Amino acid sequence: MLGNLPFFKKKEIQPSKEEIVKQHPVPKHIAIIMDGNGRWAKNRALPRIAGHKEGMNVVKKITMAAKDMGVEVLTLYAFSTENWKRPKNEVDFLMKLPEQFMDNFLPDLIKNNVRVQTIGRFDELPTHTKLAVMKAKEETKNNTGLILNFALNYGSRDEIIEAVRVISADVANGKISSTDINDELLSSHLMTHPLPDPDLLIRTSGEIRISNFMMWQISYSELWFTNVLWPDFTREHLIEAIYEFQQRHRRFGGV
């Protein structure tokens, strides 16, 4: 009877998408426009600040996910130069978020070898915000793992204009010649120097625009847009974005 039994082949276990992603080169630098906090809150009949608070919790999860994937730099668009136009109570809350984030998460950042950096007009931030960020930067400065780079009071046009001002002054003072101005020189005067340009830009919430974010640096970045609101963005969404990035062929203007 045993000889008449059909032969059953052992079912092979397929690797998960995360396992597949880890087997291939991942983006060195991922930049994210974290959009949709307000709509997330509105959909739940909650105040906008509730969405920002939930979004802060997602930052923790995505930072750890990026670290696990082997990403070297994660830049998060936390507050733009245009965000000052929002209602004062919302702006005040957003300025308190770095304090809450660092109070709750700094021990984990240190434990996981994450280094905190910022870009943007730092001096224009409230004192309590600056102190919280400065503490995090100081206590993680010797970490050698993932760089968690917050764009705070940041605007790309403002950044480029300031770089041009500095370069123009150097030309006027005879430090350099106008013929010395090239891609490398301008890049070296941007706030992101010496970080590599983003390989992948993610924007959540269904909006398909750049919103004055790292416009010089993302010239050849792969773009990935999702309808998912930032507070609903998960480790699986990040993995999906990286997986799609890995399927693309980056030609940088070549063939």
Protein backbone atom coordinates (compact mmCIF):
# COMPACT_ATOMS: atom_id res chain seq x y z
CA MET A 1 0.00 0.00 0.00
CA LEU A 2 2.80 2.41 0.82
CA GLY A 3 4.16 2.03 -2.67
CA ASN A 4 0.86 3.31 -4.09
CA LEU A 5 0.90 6.53 -2.05
CA PRO A 6 1.61 9.64 -4.14
CA PHE A 7 4.94 11.34 -3.64
CA PHE A 8 4.56 14.66 -1.92
CA LYS A 9 7.35 17.16 -2.48
CA LYS A 10 8.20 19.21 0.56
CA LYS A 11 6.92 22.73 0.08
CA GLU A 12 9.72 25.25 -0.14
CA ILE A 13 9.48 28.26 2.18
CA GLN A 14 9.61 31.43 0.14
CA PRO A 15 11.76 34.24 1.52
CA SER A 16 9.94 37.31 2.81
CA LYS A 17 10.23 40.60 0.97
CA GLU A 18 12.40 41.90 3.80
CA GLU A 19 14.78 38.98 3.34
CA ILE A 20 14.89 39.63 -0.40
CA VAL A 21 15.60 43.33 0.16
CA LYS A 22 18.47 42.54 2.51
CA GLN A 23 20.10 40.37 -0.16
CA HIS A 24 20.56 43.37 -2.49
CA PRO A 25 22.12 46.83 -2.18
CA VAL A 26 19.82 49.20 -0.29
CA PRO A 27 19.72 52.99 -0.70
CA LYS A 28 22.54 54.59 1.25
CA HIS A 29 20.45 57.71 1.86
CA ILE A 30 16.65 57.79 2.11
CA ALA A 31 14.79 61.09 2.45
CA ILE A 32 11.15 61.19 3.52
CA ILE A 33 8.53 63.92 3.27
CA MET A 34 6.35 62.91 6.19
CA ASP A 35 2.94 64.13 5.06
CA GLY A 36 -0.61 63.43 6.21
CA ASN A 37 -0.58 63.92 9.98
CA GLY A 38 -3.38 66.48 9.88
CA ARG A 39 -5.59 64.41 7.59
CA TRP A 40 -5.01 61.33 9.73
CA ALA A 41 -6.29 63.24 12.74
CA LYS A 42 -9.21 64.77 10.84
CA ASN A 43 -10.33 61.33 9.65
CA ARG A 44 -10.61 60.36 13.31
CA ALA A 45 -12.25 63.60 14.46
CA LEU A 46 -9.13 64.46 16.43
CA PRO A 47 -7.18 67.74 16.64
CA ARG A 48 -4.30 68.10 14.18
CA ILE A 49 -1.77 67.91 16.98
CA ALA A 50 -2.91 64.34 17.66
CA GLY A 51 -1.76 63.45 14.16
CA HIS A 52 1.62 65.05 14.74
CA LYS A 53 2.05 63.12 17.99
CA GLU A 54 1.22 59.84 16.26
CA GLY A 55 3.58 60.77 13.46
CA MET A 56 6.35 61.19 16.01
CA ASN A 57 5.82 57.60 17.15
CA VAL A 58 6.14 56.44 13.54
CA VAL A 59 9.50 58.21 13.28
CA LYS A 60 10.79 55.88 15.99
CA LYS A 61 9.63 52.77 14.15
CA ILE A 62 10.90 53.83 10.72
CA THR A 63 14.28 54.88 12.12
CA MET A 64 14.79 51.41 13.56
CA ALA A 65 13.52 49.79 10.36
CA ALA A 66 15.93 51.83 8.23
CA LYS A 67 18.79 50.86 10.56
CA ASP A 68 17.84 47.19 10.26
CA MET A 69 17.79 47.46 6.46
CA GLY A 70 21.33 48.84 6.41
CA VAL A 71 20.44 52.41 5.39
CA GLU A 72 23.27 54.82 6.22
CA VAL A 73 21.37 58.14 6.27
CA LEU A 74 17.69 58.85 6.93
CA THR A 75 16.63 62.47 6.37
CA LEU A 76 13.17 63.41 7.63
CA TYR A 77 11.38 66.63 6.61
CA ALA A 78 10.17 67.61 10.06
CA PHE A 79 9.45 71.35 9.71
CA SER A 80 9.79 73.57 6.66
CA THR A 81 10.46 77.29 6.45
CA GLU A 82 6.88 77.61 5.19
CA ASN A 83 5.36 75.79 8.17
CA TRP A 84 5.59 78.95 10.28
CA LYS A 85 2.43 80.05 8.44
CA ARG A 86 0.38 77.42 10.29
CA PRO A 87 -1.78 78.32 13.33
CA LYS A 88 0.32 79.35 16.33
CA ASN A 89 -0.93 76.55 18.58
CA GLU A 90 0.06 73.97 15.96
CA VAL A 91 3.50 75.54 15.45
CA ASP A 92 4.05 75.67 19.21
CA PHE A 93 3.20 71.99 19.48
CA LEU A 94 5.50 71.09 16.60
CA MET A 95 8.32 72.95 18.32
CA LYS A 96 7.77 70.84 21.44
CA LEU A 97 7.85 67.54 19.55
CA PRO A 98 11.67 67.37 19.35
CA GLU A 99 11.79 67.60 23.15
CA GLN A 100 9.27 64.80 23.55
CA PHE A 101 10.94 62.70 20.88
CA MET A 102 14.40 63.04 22.37
CA ASP A 103 13.19 62.49 25.94
CA ASN A 104 11.50 59.24 24.95
CA PHE A 105 13.81 57.95 22.27
CA LEU A 106 17.33 59.22 22.95
CA PRO A 107 18.33 56.16 25.04
CA ASP A 108 17.25 53.89 22.16
CA LEU A 109 19.18 56.00 19.65
CA ILE A 110 22.32 55.72 21.76
CA LYS A 111 21.79 51.98 22.28
CA ASN A 112 21.33 51.42 18.53
CA ASN A 113 24.38 53.49 17.52
CA VAL A 114 22.26 56.15 15.74
CA ARG A 115 23.71 59.64 15.29
CA VAL A 116 21.41 62.68 15.25
CA GLN A 117 22.07 65.55 12.85
CA THR A 118 20.01 68.48 11.54
CA ILE A 119 19.77 70.74 8.53
CA GLY A 120 17.90 74.02 8.39
CA ARG A 121 18.01 77.45 10.02
CA PHE A 122 18.73 76.10 13.48
CA ASP A 123 19.31 79.48 15.16
CA GLU A 124 15.74 80.60 14.42
CA LEU A 125 14.18 77.76 16.41
CA PRO A 126 12.87 78.34 19.96
CA THR A 127 15.46 77.92 22.69
CA HIS A 128 13.77 74.87 24.21
CA THR A 129 13.74 73.16 20.81
CA LYS A 130 17.39 73.93 20.17
CA LEU A 131 18.45 72.67 23.59
CA ALA A 132 16.69 69.33 23.09
CA VAL A 133 18.26 68.81 19.67
CA MET A 134 21.69 69.98 20.77
CA LYS A 135 21.61 67.48 23.64
CA ALA A 136 20.74 64.65 21.25
CA LYS A 137 23.45 65.66 18.80
CA GLU A 138 26.04 65.87 21.57
CA GLU A 139 25.14 62.54 23.17
CA THR A 140 25.15 60.69 19.83
CA LYS A 141 28.08 62.44 18.13
CA ASN A 142 30.38 59.44 18.56
CA ASN A 143 27.87 56.92 17.21
CA THR A 144 28.92 55.33 13.94
CA GLY A 145 25.68 53.79 12.66
CA LEU A 146 22.66 55.27 10.93
CA ILE A 147 22.61 59.07 10.67
CA LEU A 148 19.15 60.36 11.59
CA ASN A 149 19.05 63.75 9.90
CA PHE A 150 16.14 66.05 10.79
CA ALA A 151 15.27 68.89 8.40
CA LEU A 152 14.09 71.54 10.88
CA ASN A 153 13.15 75.01 9.68
CA TYR A 154 14.49 73.91 6.32
CA GLY A 155 13.74 75.15 2.81
CA SER A 156 15.67 74.16 -0.29
CA ARG A 157 15.43 77.52 -2.06
CA ASP A 158 16.67 79.26 1.07
CA GLU A 159 19.53 76.77 1.31
CA ILE A 160 20.60 77.30 -2.31
CA ILE A 161 20.35 81.10 -2.06
CA GLU A 162 22.54 81.11 1.06
CA ALA A 163 25.11 78.92 -0.72
CA VAL A 164 25.16 81.31 -3.69
CA ARG A 165 25.63 84.28 -1.33
CA VAL A 166 28.67 82.66 0.29
CA ILE A 167 30.18 81.66 -3.04
CA SER A 168 29.54 85.15 -4.48
CA ALA A 169 31.31 86.72 -1.50
CA ASP A 170 34.29 84.41 -2.03
CA VAL A 171 34.46 85.47 -5.68
CA ALA A 172 34.20 89.14 -4.74
CA ASN A 173 36.97 88.75 -2.16
CA GLY A 174 39.22 87.00 -4.63
CA LYS A 175 39.22 83.69 -2.74
CA ILE A 176 37.96 81.86 -5.82
CA SER A 177 37.31 82.66 -9.47
CA SER A 178 33.87 82.51 -11.07
CA THR A 179 35.26 79.74 -13.27
CA ASP A 180 35.73 77.62 -10.13
CA ILE A 181 31.98 77.39 -9.62
CA ASN A 182 30.69 73.93 -10.46
CA ASP A 183 28.44 71.18 -9.10
CA GLU A 184 30.96 70.09 -6.50
CA LEU A 185 31.55 73.61 -5.18
CA LEU A 186 27.87 74.39 -4.79
CA SER A 187 27.20 71.01 -3.18
CA SER A 188 29.97 71.65 -0.67
CA HIS A 189 28.15 74.80 0.50
CA LEU A 190 24.80 73.09 1.07
CA MET A 191 23.55 72.16 4.54
CA THR A 192 23.71 68.47 3.73
CA HIS A 193 27.46 68.47 3.05
CA PRO A 194 29.23 66.02 3.38
CA LEU A 195 26.28 63.58 3.35
CA PRO A 196 25.64 61.72 0.09
CA ASP A 197 22.67 62.82 -1.97
CA PRO A 198 19.49 60.80 -1.37
CA ASP A 199 19.15 57.68 -3.48
CA LEU A 200 15.44 57.41 -2.68
CA LEU A 201 12.85 60.07 -1.85
CA ILE A 202 9.58 58.91 -0.26
CA ARG A 203 6.49 61.06 0.13
CA THR A 204 3.41 59.88 1.99
CA SER A 205 -0.27 60.94 1.86
CA GLY A 206 -0.84 60.90 -1.89
CA GLU A 207 0.64 64.31 -2.67
CA ILE A 208 2.91 64.21 -5.71
CA ARG A 209 5.22 67.19 -5.30
CA ILE A 210 8.59 68.02 -3.74
CA SER A 211 7.53 70.98 -1.55
CA ASN A 212 10.86 72.81 -1.49
CA PHE A 213 12.75 69.80 -0.12
CA MET A 214 16.37 69.10 -1.11
CA MET A 215 15.76 70.14 -4.71
CA TRP A 216 19.45 70.19 -5.62
CA GLN A 217 20.24 66.95 -3.83
CA ILE A 218 17.41 64.88 -5.32
CA SER A 219 18.27 65.66 -8.94
CA TYR A 220 18.85 61.94 -9.60
CA SER A 221 16.97 60.40 -6.68
CA GLU A 222 14.37 57.72 -7.29
CA LEU A 223 10.93 58.98 -6.23
CA TRP A 224 8.34 56.83 -4.47
CA PHE A 225 4.89 58.19 -3.67
CA THR A 226 2.23 56.47 -1.58
CA ASN A 227 -1.33 57.32 -0.57
CA VAL A 228 -0.61 56.06 2.95
CA LEU A 229 -0.73 58.85 5.54
CA TRP A 230 2.43 59.20 7.58
CA PRO A 231 0.91 57.98 10.90
CA ASP A 232 -0.10 54.78 9.07
CA PHE A 233 3.32 54.28 7.44
CA THR A 234 4.90 51.02 8.57
CA ARG A 235 8.10 49.02 8.34
CA GLU A 236 6.41 47.02 5.55
CA HIS A 237 5.81 50.19 3.53
CA LEU A 238 9.47 51.16 3.87
CA ILE A 239 10.52 47.69 2.75
CA GLU A 240 8.16 47.95 -0.24
CA ALA A 241 9.70 51.29 -1.22
CA ILE A 242 13.23 49.87 -0.99
CA TYR A 243 12.18 46.75 -2.91
CA GLU A 244 10.80 48.89 -5.75
CA PHE A 245 13.97 51.00 -5.69
CA GLN A 246 15.99 47.83 -6.18
CA GLN A 247 13.98 46.97 -9.31
CA ARG A 248 14.83 50.23 -11.02
CA HIS A 249 17.84 50.85 -13.25
CA ARG A 250 19.52 54.14 -12.40
CA ARG A 251 21.22 55.56 -15.49
CA PHE A 252 22.13 59.08 -14.25
CA GLY A 253 21.58 60.47 -17.73
CA GLY A 254 23.37 57.59 -19.47
CA VAL A 255 22.04 54.62 -21.39
